[in-house]
Amino acid sequence: MRIHVVSDVHGRVDALARAADGADALVCLGDLILFIDYADHAQGIFAELFGQQNADHFIALRTQKRFDDARRFSQEMWGSLDGEAWPHIERAVRRQYAQLFQAMPAPAYLTYGNVDLPRMWGDYLRDGHRVLDGEVVELGGLRFGFVGGGLRTEYRTPNELDDEVYAAKVAAVGAVDVLCCHIPPAVPDLLYDTVARRLERGSEAVLELIHETQPRYVLFGHVHQPLARRMRVGRTECVNVGHFRASGTPYVLMV
């Protein structure tokens, strides 16, 4: 069985439509929407609402780790809109989800990223799309476990979870052949982004599960330009499947 795996789609509708070409199934590890594009500041919901110049400034503040200043600037921007901020955000997110799920091939097995809004997904899923989070499915005779979302950070993205909530989902999956997450296990070389020059947050619970159960693979995304794209931990091959928005190319897993 040939499975294509993508993560960090971030609005890449054109490539998503082709992501399962030649595959028996698609696995998507989340982060579908594009809120801010650090490579092209003119793209994303923030730039759509406030223009590239304001996106430039907001990204500069976050890149400099001036998080309090970035939050104040963001609040100023949201306050400049007519009415409450949420209706503007929701309209923009829904436009992206409508396009993305229409392009999403089937069959597809999906879990959430840290910038996704899980409560909206049900409005756009089509036949052949299955969302799994803290759950297991059999593919090609192997047990695939799925754990979605991210952990809490200074960036305060929409789908960040408390450590114990995330760990409970990992425990619910238990021993599997392939563990599919959005975020990596807590291994520094897998967490360091060489362009952003920062460590992202990884999961200690996933790392503990690796040590205890030794799955064949742990697949993840989240870190766009990792110091190490793959690493073996015991018998487990840990693989960052790549920043799909940038590459447009899925990771191929043969089982």
Protein backbone atom coordinates (compact mmCIF):
# COMPACT_ATOMS: atom_id res chain seq x y z
CA MET A 1 0.00 0.00 0.00
CA ARG A 2 1.32 3.43 -0.96
CA ILE A 3 0.39 6.27 1.41
CA HIS A 4 1.20 9.94 0.79
CA VAL A 5 1.63 12.11 3.88
CA VAL A 6 1.44 15.91 4.04
CA SER A 7 1.61 18.48 6.81
CA ASP A 8 1.57 22.27 7.04
CA VAL A 9 -0.50 22.76 3.92
CA HIS A 10 -1.13 26.42 4.81
CA GLY A 11 -3.41 27.22 1.91
CA ARG A 12 -1.53 25.32 -0.84
CA VAL A 13 -4.73 24.33 -2.64
CA ASP A 14 -3.18 23.61 -6.04
CA ALA A 15 -0.68 21.05 -4.79
CA LEU A 16 -3.15 19.53 -2.33
CA ALA A 17 -5.44 18.55 -5.20
CA ARG A 18 -2.57 16.43 -6.62
CA ALA A 19 -1.16 15.19 -3.33
CA ALA A 20 -2.63 11.69 -3.58
CA ASP A 21 -1.77 11.07 -7.25
CA GLY A 22 -0.52 7.47 -7.49
CA ALA A 23 -1.34 6.72 -3.84
CA ASP A 24 -3.89 4.44 -2.19
CA ALA A 25 -4.61 7.01 0.52
CA LEU A 26 -3.61 10.45 1.78
CA VAL A 27 -2.69 11.28 5.38
CA CYS A 28 -2.83 14.96 6.36
CA LEU A 29 -1.21 16.09 9.61
CA GLY A 30 -2.88 19.48 9.81
CA ASP A 31 -2.23 23.21 9.63
CA LEU A 32 -4.47 23.70 6.62
CA ILE A 33 -5.10 27.42 6.85
CA LEU A 34 -2.64 30.25 6.18
CA PHE A 35 -2.84 33.03 8.74
CA ILE A 36 0.64 34.54 8.23
CA ASP A 37 3.26 33.66 5.64
CA TYR A 38 6.77 34.36 6.91
CA ALA A 39 8.18 33.82 3.41
CA ASP A 40 5.66 35.96 1.49
CA HIS A 41 4.18 38.61 3.76
CA ALA A 42 1.51 39.52 1.21
CA GLN A 43 -0.18 36.14 1.70
CA GLY A 44 -2.44 34.98 4.52
CA ILE A 45 -5.41 36.20 6.52
CA PHE A 46 -3.50 38.93 8.40
CA ALA A 47 -2.26 40.52 5.17
CA GLU A 48 -5.69 40.08 3.56
CA LEU A 49 -7.31 42.08 6.35
CA PHE A 50 -4.61 44.64 7.15
CA GLY A 51 -2.26 44.86 4.15
CA GLN A 52 1.32 43.77 3.57
CA GLN A 53 2.93 46.72 5.38
CA ASN A 54 1.20 45.84 8.63
CA ALA A 55 1.98 42.16 8.07
CA ASP A 56 5.66 43.11 7.60
CA HIS A 57 5.65 44.89 10.96
CA PHE A 58 3.79 42.13 12.81
CA ILE A 59 6.12 39.44 11.47
CA ALA A 60 9.18 41.53 12.35
CA LEU A 61 8.00 41.85 15.97
CA ARG A 62 7.39 38.12 16.27
CA THR A 63 10.68 37.25 14.59
CA GLN A 64 12.46 39.48 17.11
CA LYS A 65 10.55 37.62 19.88
CA ARG A 66 8.93 40.88 20.99
CA PHE A 67 5.76 38.99 21.78
CA ASP A 68 4.13 41.61 24.02
CA ASP A 69 4.68 44.28 21.36
CA ALA A 70 3.32 41.93 18.70
CA ARG A 71 0.19 41.26 20.76
CA ARG A 72 -0.39 44.98 21.33
CA PHE A 73 0.03 45.68 17.63
CA SER A 74 -2.28 42.80 16.74
CA GLN A 75 -4.94 44.08 19.14
CA GLU A 76 -4.64 47.53 17.56
CA MET A 77 -5.17 46.02 14.11
CA TRP A 78 -8.19 43.96 15.16
CA GLY A 79 -9.63 47.02 16.88
CA SER A 80 -9.46 48.95 13.61
CA LEU A 81 -12.02 46.66 11.96
CA ASP A 82 -15.72 47.40 11.76
CA GLY A 83 -17.43 45.54 14.59
CA GLU A 84 -15.96 42.55 16.43
CA ALA A 85 -12.84 40.86 15.08
CA TRP A 86 -14.14 37.29 15.08
CA PRO A 87 -16.63 37.60 12.19
CA HIS A 88 -13.84 38.89 9.94
CA ILE A 89 -11.54 36.02 10.96
CA GLU A 90 -14.26 33.41 10.56
CA ARG A 91 -15.17 34.55 7.05
CA ALA A 92 -11.53 34.39 5.97
CA VAL A 93 -10.96 30.98 7.57
CA ARG A 94 -14.13 29.57 6.05
CA ARG A 95 -13.11 30.74 2.58
CA GLN A 96 -9.84 28.87 2.93
CA TYR A 97 -11.43 25.72 4.37
CA ALA A 98 -14.03 25.60 1.60
CA GLN A 99 -11.27 25.63 -1.04
CA LEU A 100 -8.98 23.23 0.83
CA PHE A 101 -11.53 20.53 1.58
CA GLN A 102 -12.89 20.72 -1.94
CA ALA A 103 -9.36 20.05 -3.20
CA MET A 104 -8.59 17.38 -0.56
CA PRO A 105 -8.36 13.96 -2.25
CA ALA A 106 -10.13 10.89 -0.91
CA PRO A 107 -9.63 8.62 0.85
CA ALA A 108 -7.89 10.91 3.31
CA TYR A 109 -7.12 10.45 6.99
CA LEU A 110 -6.71 13.77 8.76
CA THR A 111 -5.74 15.22 12.11
CA TYR A 112 -5.54 18.81 13.31
CA GLY A 113 -2.59 21.19 13.44
CA ASN A 114 -2.00 23.95 15.98
CA VAL A 115 -3.36 26.67 13.68
CA ASP A 116 -6.51 24.77 12.70
CA LEU A 117 -10.02 25.39 14.01
CA PRO A 118 -11.38 21.87 14.61
CA ARG A 119 -14.98 22.91 15.23
CA MET A 120 -15.25 24.14 11.63
CA TRP A 121 -13.96 21.02 9.90
CA GLY A 122 -17.25 19.16 10.02
CA ASP A 123 -18.85 21.78 7.77
CA TYR A 124 -16.46 20.97 4.91
CA LEU A 125 -15.60 17.26 5.09
CA ARG A 126 -16.57 15.20 2.05
CA ASP A 127 -17.15 11.50 1.56
CA GLY A 128 -13.89 9.65 2.07
CA HIS A 129 -12.48 12.17 4.57
CA ARG A 130 -11.96 10.76 8.06
CA VAL A 131 -10.75 12.87 10.98
CA LEU A 132 -8.86 11.04 13.75
CA ASP A 133 -7.55 12.51 17.01
CA GLY A 134 -6.49 10.23 19.83
CA GLU A 135 -7.70 7.35 17.65
CA VAL A 136 -6.35 4.40 15.67
CA VAL A 137 -7.14 3.07 12.18
CA GLU A 138 -5.73 0.12 10.24
CA LEU A 139 -4.07 0.83 6.89
CA GLY A 140 -2.21 -1.77 4.87
CA GLY A 141 -2.34 -4.17 7.78
CA LEU A 142 -0.64 -1.72 10.16
CA ARG A 143 -2.08 0.25 13.09
CA PHE A 144 -1.89 4.02 12.51
CA GLY A 145 -2.47 6.28 15.52
CA PHE A 146 -3.35 9.97 15.19
CA VAL A 147 -2.77 12.80 17.66
CA GLY A 148 -3.71 16.34 16.57
CA GLY A 149 -3.06 19.85 17.81
CA GLY A 150 -0.08 21.54 19.41
CA LEU A 151 1.13 22.53 22.86
CA ARG A 152 0.87 25.95 24.46
CA THR A 153 3.41 28.56 23.34
CA GLU A 154 3.98 32.31 23.36
CA TYR A 155 2.50 32.42 19.85
CA ARG A 156 -0.97 31.50 21.16
CA THR A 157 -2.11 29.77 18.00
CA PRO A 158 -5.76 28.62 17.95
CA ASN A 159 -5.40 24.90 18.66
CA GLU A 160 -2.84 24.76 21.45
CA LEU A 161 -3.54 22.29 24.26
CA ASP A 162 -2.43 21.83 27.86
CA ASP A 163 0.29 19.21 28.21
CA GLU A 164 -1.94 16.82 30.14
CA VAL A 165 -4.72 17.03 27.55
CA TYR A 166 -2.27 16.25 24.76
CA ALA A 167 -0.69 13.44 26.78
CA ALA A 168 -4.11 11.86 27.34
CA LYS A 169 -4.61 11.62 23.57
CA VAL A 170 -1.20 10.00 23.16
CA ALA A 171 -2.08 7.49 25.87
CA ALA A 172 -5.42 6.75 24.18
CA VAL A 173 -3.56 5.78 21.00
CA GLY A 174 -1.13 3.50 22.82
CA ALA A 175 1.03 0.99 20.96
CA VAL A 176 0.80 1.40 17.17
CA ASP A 177 2.95 0.68 14.14
CA VAL A 178 2.83 4.26 12.82
CA LEU A 179 2.16 7.31 14.99
CA CYS A 180 0.94 10.38 13.08
CA CYS A 181 1.14 13.74 14.92
CA HIS A 182 1.29 17.38 13.95
CA ILE A 183 4.13 18.22 16.35
CA PRO A 184 7.39 16.26 16.75
CA PRO A 185 8.56 14.32 19.78
CA ALA A 186 10.64 16.40 22.20
CA VAL A 187 14.03 15.86 20.55
CA PRO A 188 15.99 19.13 20.09
CA ASP A 189 17.36 18.38 16.60
CA LEU A 190 13.82 17.69 15.37
CA LEU A 191 12.49 20.89 16.97
CA TYR A 192 15.04 23.51 15.91
CA ASP A 193 13.98 25.65 12.93
CA THR A 194 17.14 26.75 11.13
CA VAL A 195 15.52 29.73 9.41
CA ALA A 196 13.41 31.06 12.29
CA ARG A 197 16.35 30.23 14.60
CA ARG A 198 14.21 28.94 17.40
CA LEU A 199 13.15 25.73 19.09
CA GLU A 200 9.52 24.82 18.54
CA ARG A 201 7.66 22.85 21.21
CA GLY A 202 7.63 19.08 20.94
CA SER A 203 5.83 16.44 22.94
CA GLU A 204 7.43 14.66 25.87
CA ALA A 205 4.45 12.28 25.87
CA VAL A 206 5.19 11.22 22.29
CA LEU A 207 8.86 10.69 23.15
CA GLU A 208 7.87 8.54 26.14
CA LEU A 209 5.57 6.49 23.92
CA ILE A 210 8.44 5.94 21.48
CA HIS A 211 10.69 4.67 24.27
CA GLU A 212 7.96 2.43 25.67
CA THR A 213 6.41 0.94 22.50
CA GLN A 214 8.94 1.51 19.67
CA PRO A 215 6.57 2.12 16.72
CA ARG A 216 8.05 1.62 13.26
CA TYR A 217 7.51 5.27 12.36
CA VAL A 218 6.53 8.56 13.96
CA LEU A 219 5.42 11.03 11.27
CA PHE A 220 4.95 14.74 11.96
CA GLY A 221 5.38 18.27 10.58
CA HIS A 222 5.12 21.66 12.34
CA VAL A 223 8.82 22.61 12.09
CA HIS A 224 9.15 24.07 8.61
CA GLN A 225 12.97 24.10 8.25
CA PRO A 226 14.18 21.52 10.78
CA LEU A 227 17.81 20.95 11.71
CA ALA A 228 17.15 17.22 11.26
CA ARG A 229 14.36 15.93 9.02
CA ARG A 230 14.62 12.39 10.32
CA MET A 231 16.21 10.60 13.23
CA ARG A 232 16.11 7.13 14.68
CA VAL A 233 15.15 6.81 18.36
CA GLY A 234 15.76 3.21 19.27
CA ARG A 235 14.00 1.21 16.55
CA THR A 236 11.66 4.09 15.65
CA GLU A 237 12.21 6.21 12.54
CA CYS A 238 11.06 9.76 13.33
CA VAL A 239 10.30 11.66 10.11
CA ASN A 240 9.35 15.28 9.45
CA VAL A 241 7.21 14.84 6.32
CA GLY A 242 8.02 18.37 5.13
CA HIS A 243 6.54 21.84 4.78
CA PHE A 244 3.94 21.12 2.12
CA ARG A 245 3.18 24.78 1.36
CA ALA A 246 6.80 25.24 0.29
CA SER A 247 7.46 21.90 -1.38
CA GLY A 248 4.08 20.86 -2.81
CA THR A 249 5.40 17.30 -2.53
CA PRO A 250 4.05 14.59 -0.20
CA TYR A 251 6.17 12.17 1.81
CA VAL A 252 5.75 8.65 0.44
CA LEU A 253 5.28 5.75 2.86
CA MET A 254 5.11 2.19 1.56
CA VAL A 255 3.47 -0.32 3.91
